[in-house]
Amino acid sequence: MASCDSLFGLGLINSYMTDPVEICNSGTSTITCYTHKQQHKAVEDTFCVGTNIVIDFSKVHGEHQATKPPRGVAQYHSFDSSSTTADCKNTANFPTTKFMPHHTLQMNSFKDQTPTSTDATRESTTTYLLARDEDFENAFHSSADFLNMELVYQGLNLNKDDTQVVLLDRNPDGPFFEMIQNAFTTPNKPLKRAANYNNKKIVFDKVVWHLESPAGIVFPKVGNNGATGCHNEYLYSKYRQRVLSAFDLWDVPPPTVPSLTLIVRKRTSR
C-alpha cells in the first residue's frame, strides 16, 4: 500500500527528481525530463526543463479567445515545423519520452542540432509554459494543474519572484487568472501569452514545460481516494500556504463559524 508521502508528499517529488532523463544534449542547449508513474497508470507523467531553447513565435499560431473555444485542439496553439529548436542532439531517450498531451503538440515540431539564432531576443528569466487543462474554468481540474505547478516549483526550487508564467493555450483568462498571477509569479511579471512575443524568435535561458492536469494528484484513482486521510501532506500544505500567502490570508485566523462552499458540476453545451 502506497504511503501518503509517496502519493502526496516529498516522496512523490523525489520520485520525479531522482532519475532525470536527458533527451537532448551534446551542445550549448539541453532538455531534461522528470518522470513518475502513478500506480493506476500504464504510462509515466512528465515535465521537462530546457536551457538555451529557441521558440520562433511567428510559427506559433492561434491567439487566446474572449470565450472558450470548442473542446480539444482548438483550445491550444498549433506549431509549424521548427517552431522550437535547440543547439543539442536528440538522445535515444527522445523518441521514447511520453510528453504530456499539450506539450506533445509543441514537441512534434521540435528540431535539434540547430545553432542558436543570432537574431533572437534573449530571455534570462525562468519561463514556465503553462498549457492549462481543457476545463481551465473548472475548480477541480484547475486544482490538478495548480498542485502540479506546486510540485514542479518545489522539485526545481523555483522562486515565484524570478519566474515568468506563460499561458500557452488559447483560452480566455478564466476565473483563476488572478490566482495564477499572485501565487506563481509577481505583479512585475504579468502573465504572458504567445502573442506577447510579437512573432519574434526568443532564446530562453531556462524554460519549463508544465506537468499537465492528467498527472494530477486530486483524481480519485490516486491512492484510492487516499487524499482524504493525507490532507496535511507536504504538497497540500505548501500549496495552501502559497495561495493564502498570495492573497495576504496566511496569518489570518479561521472564522469562528466555518463556512462551506458547494460547487455543483454540470456540463453545459459550451
Protein backbone atom coordinates (compact mmCIF):
# COMPACT_ATOMS: atom_id res chain seq x y z
CA MET A 1 0.00 0.00 0.00
CA ALA A 2 1.49 3.34 -1.03
CA SER A 3 2.09 5.84 1.76
CA CYS A 4 0.70 9.37 1.98
CA ASP A 5 4.23 10.69 1.46
CA SER A 6 4.76 8.73 -1.76
CA LEU A 7 1.41 9.87 -3.13
CA PHE A 8 1.16 13.48 -1.97
CA GLY A 9 4.40 14.43 -0.23
CA LEU A 10 8.14 14.81 -0.57
CA GLY A 11 8.31 11.16 -1.58
CA LEU A 12 6.33 11.99 -4.72
CA ILE A 13 8.54 14.97 -5.55
CA ASN A 14 11.66 12.88 -5.03
CA SER A 15 10.27 10.19 -7.32
CA TYR A 16 10.17 12.73 -10.15
CA MET A 17 13.56 14.25 -9.37
CA THR A 18 15.64 11.13 -8.64
CA ASP A 19 16.34 9.92 -12.19
CA PRO A 20 16.30 12.83 -14.64
CA VAL A 21 16.36 11.79 -18.29
CA GLU A 22 18.37 13.81 -20.80
CA ILE A 23 16.58 13.82 -24.13
CA CYS A 24 18.80 16.38 -25.88
CA ASN A 25 22.45 17.18 -25.09
CA SER A 26 25.96 17.47 -26.57
CA GLY A 27 25.68 21.16 -27.39
CA THR A 28 25.01 24.56 -25.84
CA SER A 29 21.39 23.56 -25.15
CA THR A 30 19.91 20.80 -23.01
CA ILE A 31 16.48 19.29 -22.43
CA THR A 32 15.96 17.18 -19.32
CA CYS A 33 12.72 15.44 -18.38
CA TYR A 34 11.46 14.26 -15.00
CA THR A 35 9.04 11.36 -14.79
CA HIS A 36 6.90 9.42 -12.36
CA LYS A 37 4.49 6.55 -12.93
CA GLN A 38 1.35 6.62 -10.82
CA GLN A 39 0.24 3.21 -9.64
CA HIS A 40 -3.03 3.24 -11.63
CA LYS A 41 -1.44 4.30 -14.96
CA ALA A 42 0.30 2.43 -17.74
CA VAL A 43 2.50 5.39 -18.77
CA GLU A 44 4.62 7.93 -16.97
CA ASP A 45 3.76 11.55 -16.31
CA THR A 46 6.41 14.02 -17.42
CA PHE A 47 7.59 17.59 -17.12
CA CYS A 48 10.73 18.91 -18.79
CA VAL A 49 13.28 21.69 -18.44
CA GLY A 50 15.24 23.19 -21.31
CA THR A 51 18.21 25.54 -21.37
CA ASN A 52 19.12 27.80 -24.29
CA ILE A 53 15.88 26.95 -26.12
CA VAL A 54 14.66 28.99 -29.10
CA ILE A 55 10.95 29.45 -29.78
CA ASP A 56 10.03 31.20 -33.02
CA PHE A 57 6.67 32.75 -32.18
CA SER A 58 5.99 33.54 -35.84
CA LYS A 59 5.47 29.76 -36.12
CA VAL A 60 3.12 29.55 -33.11
CA HIS A 61 -0.46 30.07 -34.26
CA GLY A 62 -3.75 30.90 -32.57
CA GLU A 63 -4.41 33.75 -30.16
CA HIS A 64 -6.43 33.41 -26.98
CA GLN A 65 -10.17 33.93 -27.26
CA ALA A 66 -12.75 36.08 -25.49
CA THR A 67 -14.85 32.95 -24.94
CA LYS A 68 -13.88 29.32 -24.52
CA PRO A 69 -13.13 27.66 -27.88
CA PRO A 70 -14.56 24.21 -28.67
CA ARG A 71 -13.04 21.49 -26.51
CA GLY A 72 -9.96 19.81 -27.89
CA VAL A 73 -7.07 21.04 -30.02
CA ALA A 74 -8.91 24.30 -30.83
CA GLN A 75 -8.08 25.38 -27.28
CA TYR A 76 -4.35 25.14 -27.95
CA HIS A 77 -1.76 26.61 -30.29
CA SER A 78 -0.58 24.92 -33.44
CA PHE A 79 3.14 24.83 -34.15
CA ASP A 80 4.86 24.92 -37.53
CA SER A 81 7.89 22.73 -38.11
CA SER A 82 10.98 24.05 -36.26
CA SER A 83 8.92 26.41 -34.12
CA THR A 84 11.05 25.16 -31.23
CA THR A 85 14.74 24.48 -31.75
CA ALA A 86 17.85 23.80 -29.70
CA ASP A 87 21.59 23.51 -30.14
CA CYS A 88 21.78 19.93 -28.90
CA LYS A 89 21.37 16.43 -30.30
CA ASN A 90 18.41 14.21 -29.50
CA THR A 91 19.42 11.23 -27.41
CA ALA A 92 17.99 7.73 -27.66
CA ASN A 93 15.60 8.79 -24.88
CA PHE A 94 13.88 11.42 -27.02
CA PRO A 95 11.63 9.12 -29.09
CA THR A 96 10.60 7.10 -26.03
CA THR A 97 9.72 10.11 -23.84
CA LYS A 98 5.98 10.34 -23.16
CA PHE A 99 5.35 14.07 -23.34
CA MET A 100 2.13 15.33 -21.78
CA PRO A 101 -0.74 15.88 -24.26
CA HIS A 102 -0.36 19.60 -24.96
CA HIS A 103 3.42 19.51 -24.63
CA THR A 104 3.33 16.95 -27.43
CA LEU A 105 1.78 19.50 -29.82
CA GLN A 106 4.85 21.67 -29.44
CA MET A 107 7.49 18.93 -29.33
CA ASN A 108 6.17 17.36 -32.54
CA SER A 109 7.63 20.45 -34.24
CA PHE A 110 10.94 20.40 -32.35
CA LYS A 111 14.20 20.41 -34.30
CA ASP A 112 17.51 19.55 -32.69
CA GLN A 113 21.05 20.36 -33.85
CA THR A 114 20.06 23.95 -34.67
CA PRO A 115 22.59 26.66 -33.77
CA THR A 116 21.13 29.37 -31.57
CA SER A 117 19.79 32.21 -33.70
CA THR A 118 21.96 35.31 -33.58
CA ASP A 119 18.93 37.47 -34.43
CA ALA A 120 16.87 36.22 -31.47
CA THR A 121 15.97 38.14 -28.33
CA ARG A 122 17.28 36.55 -25.15
CA GLU A 123 15.05 35.96 -22.12
CA SER A 124 17.04 35.38 -18.93
CA THR A 125 14.05 34.89 -16.61
CA THR A 126 12.99 31.30 -15.95
CA THR A 127 9.85 30.84 -18.07
CA TYR A 128 7.09 28.38 -17.16
CA LEU A 129 4.93 27.30 -20.13
CA LEU A 130 1.50 26.56 -18.67
CA ALA A 131 -0.85 24.75 -21.05
CA ARG A 132 -3.95 24.69 -18.86
CA ASP A 133 -6.43 21.84 -18.68
CA GLU A 134 -9.24 21.84 -21.25
CA ASP A 135 -11.62 22.58 -18.36
CA PHE A 136 -9.49 25.52 -17.21
CA GLU A 137 -12.55 27.19 -15.65
CA ASN A 138 -13.39 24.11 -13.58
CA ALA A 139 -12.22 24.24 -9.95
CA PHE A 140 -11.46 20.52 -9.79
CA HIS A 141 -9.38 20.24 -12.97
CA SER A 142 -7.68 23.56 -12.32
CA SER A 143 -6.68 22.32 -8.87
CA ALA A 144 -4.93 19.42 -10.60
CA ASP A 145 -2.95 21.92 -12.70
CA PHE A 146 -2.04 24.12 -9.76
CA LEU A 147 -0.97 21.29 -7.45
CA ASN A 148 1.20 20.06 -10.32
CA MET A 149 2.72 23.53 -10.58
CA GLU A 150 3.44 23.38 -6.85
CA LEU A 151 5.18 20.04 -7.34
CA VAL A 152 7.34 21.41 -10.18
CA TYR A 153 8.17 24.60 -8.27
CA GLN A 154 9.22 22.55 -5.26
CA GLY A 155 11.17 20.00 -7.29
CA LEU A 156 13.08 22.60 -9.31
CA ASN A 157 13.30 25.07 -6.41
CA LEU A 158 11.63 27.78 -8.50
CA ASN A 159 11.13 31.17 -6.89
CA LYS A 160 7.98 32.97 -7.96
CA ASP A 161 9.86 36.29 -7.86
CA ASP A 162 12.15 35.01 -10.63
CA THR A 163 9.63 33.06 -12.72
CA GLN A 164 7.57 34.24 -15.69
CA VAL A 165 4.40 32.25 -16.40
CA VAL A 166 3.18 31.98 -20.00
CA LEU A 167 -0.36 30.71 -20.60
CA LEU A 168 0.38 28.51 -23.60
CA ASP A 169 -3.23 27.98 -24.61
CA ARG A 170 -5.95 29.89 -26.45
CA ASN A 171 -8.46 30.03 -23.61
CA PRO A 172 -9.73 33.28 -22.07
CA ASP A 173 -8.36 34.49 -18.76
CA GLY A 174 -10.84 32.44 -16.72
CA PRO A 175 -11.69 32.60 -13.03
CA PHE A 176 -8.21 31.55 -11.82
CA PHE A 177 -6.19 34.10 -13.78
CA GLU A 178 -5.60 36.29 -10.73
CA MET A 179 -4.66 33.31 -8.59
CA ILE A 180 -2.01 32.15 -11.08
CA GLN A 181 -0.65 35.70 -11.26
CA ASN A 182 -0.46 36.19 -7.50
CA ALA A 183 0.62 32.72 -6.40
CA PHE A 184 3.10 31.62 -9.06
CA THR A 185 4.72 34.87 -10.18
CA THR A 186 4.76 38.54 -9.16
CA PRO A 187 2.97 41.76 -10.23
CA ASN A 188 6.09 42.96 -12.05
CA LYS A 189 5.85 39.88 -14.28
CA PRO A 190 2.27 39.92 -15.65
CA LEU A 191 1.11 36.64 -17.16
CA LYS A 192 2.08 36.36 -20.80
CA ARG A 193 0.74 34.60 -23.85
CA ALA A 194 2.36 33.65 -27.13
CA ALA A 195 1.04 36.85 -28.71
CA ASN A 196 3.06 38.95 -26.27
CA TYR A 197 6.25 37.85 -28.03
CA ASN A 198 5.14 39.62 -31.23
CA ASN A 199 6.17 36.88 -33.68
CA LYS A 200 9.81 37.16 -32.58
CA LYS A 201 12.40 34.48 -32.01
CA ILE A 202 13.14 34.22 -28.29
CA VAL A 203 16.08 32.40 -26.73
CA PHE A 204 15.04 31.21 -23.29
CA ASP A 205 17.88 30.68 -20.85
CA LYS A 206 15.61 28.30 -18.94
CA VAL A 207 12.15 27.10 -19.90
CA VAL A 208 9.89 24.67 -18.02
CA TRP A 209 7.20 22.60 -19.73
CA HIS A 210 4.24 22.10 -17.40
CA LEU A 211 3.31 18.87 -15.63
CA GLU A 212 -0.18 18.77 -17.09
CA SER A 213 -3.52 18.06 -15.45
CA PRO A 214 -3.72 14.30 -16.25
CA ALA A 215 -0.86 13.88 -13.75
CA GLY A 216 -2.97 15.49 -11.02
CA ILE A 217 -2.93 14.05 -7.50
CA VAL A 218 -6.54 15.10 -6.86
CA PHE A 219 -8.04 12.44 -9.10
CA PRO A 220 -9.86 9.64 -7.23
CA LYS A 221 -7.69 6.84 -8.60
CA VAL A 222 -4.61 8.31 -6.92
CA GLY A 223 -4.25 6.38 -3.70
CA ASN A 224 -7.80 5.01 -3.97
CA ASN A 225 -9.20 8.27 -2.60
CA GLY A 226 -6.39 8.40 -0.03
CA ALA A 227 -6.33 12.19 -0.29
CA THR A 228 -8.93 12.39 2.47
CA GLY A 229 -6.57 10.96 5.06
CA CYS A 230 -3.47 12.64 3.62
CA HIS A 231 -4.66 16.24 3.50
CA ASN A 232 -1.76 17.51 5.63
CA GLU A 233 0.95 16.05 3.40
CA TYR A 234 3.73 18.27 2.07
CA LEU A 235 2.28 19.20 -1.33
CA TYR A 236 -1.15 20.06 0.01
CA SER A 237 0.35 22.10 2.86
CA LYS A 238 2.74 24.02 0.61
CA TYR A 239 0.02 24.71 -1.93
CA ARG A 240 -2.34 26.03 0.77
CA GLN A 241 0.42 28.27 2.07
CA ARG A 242 1.26 29.55 -1.43
CA VAL A 243 -2.32 30.52 -2.29
CA LEU A 244 -3.25 32.01 1.08
CA SER A 245 0.01 33.96 1.26
CA ALA A 246 -0.59 35.29 -2.25
CA PHE A 247 -3.75 36.99 -1.00
CA ASP A 248 -2.37 38.00 2.43
CA LEU A 249 -4.53 35.43 4.20
CA TRP A 250 -1.89 33.05 5.54
CA ASP A 251 -1.74 34.61 9.01
CA VAL A 252 -5.47 35.37 9.23
CA PRO A 253 -7.19 33.14 11.80
CA PRO A 254 -10.07 31.00 10.52
CA PRO A 255 -13.63 32.18 11.25
CA THR A 256 -15.26 31.04 14.45
CA VAL A 257 -18.12 29.57 12.44
CA PRO A 258 -16.82 27.63 9.42
CA SER A 259 -18.45 28.06 6.04
CA LEU A 260 -18.89 25.52 3.27
CA THR A 261 -18.65 26.15 -0.45
CA LEU A 262 -20.63 23.76 -2.65
CA ILE A 263 -19.71 23.54 -6.32
CA VAL A 264 -22.40 21.99 -8.49
CA ARG A 265 -20.78 20.47 -11.57
CA LYS A 266 -22.96 20.29 -14.67
CA ARG A 267 -21.75 20.02 -18.25
CA THR A 268 -23.20 22.72 -20.49
CA SER A 269 -23.39 22.87 -24.27
CA ARG A 270 -20.48 25.35 -24.43
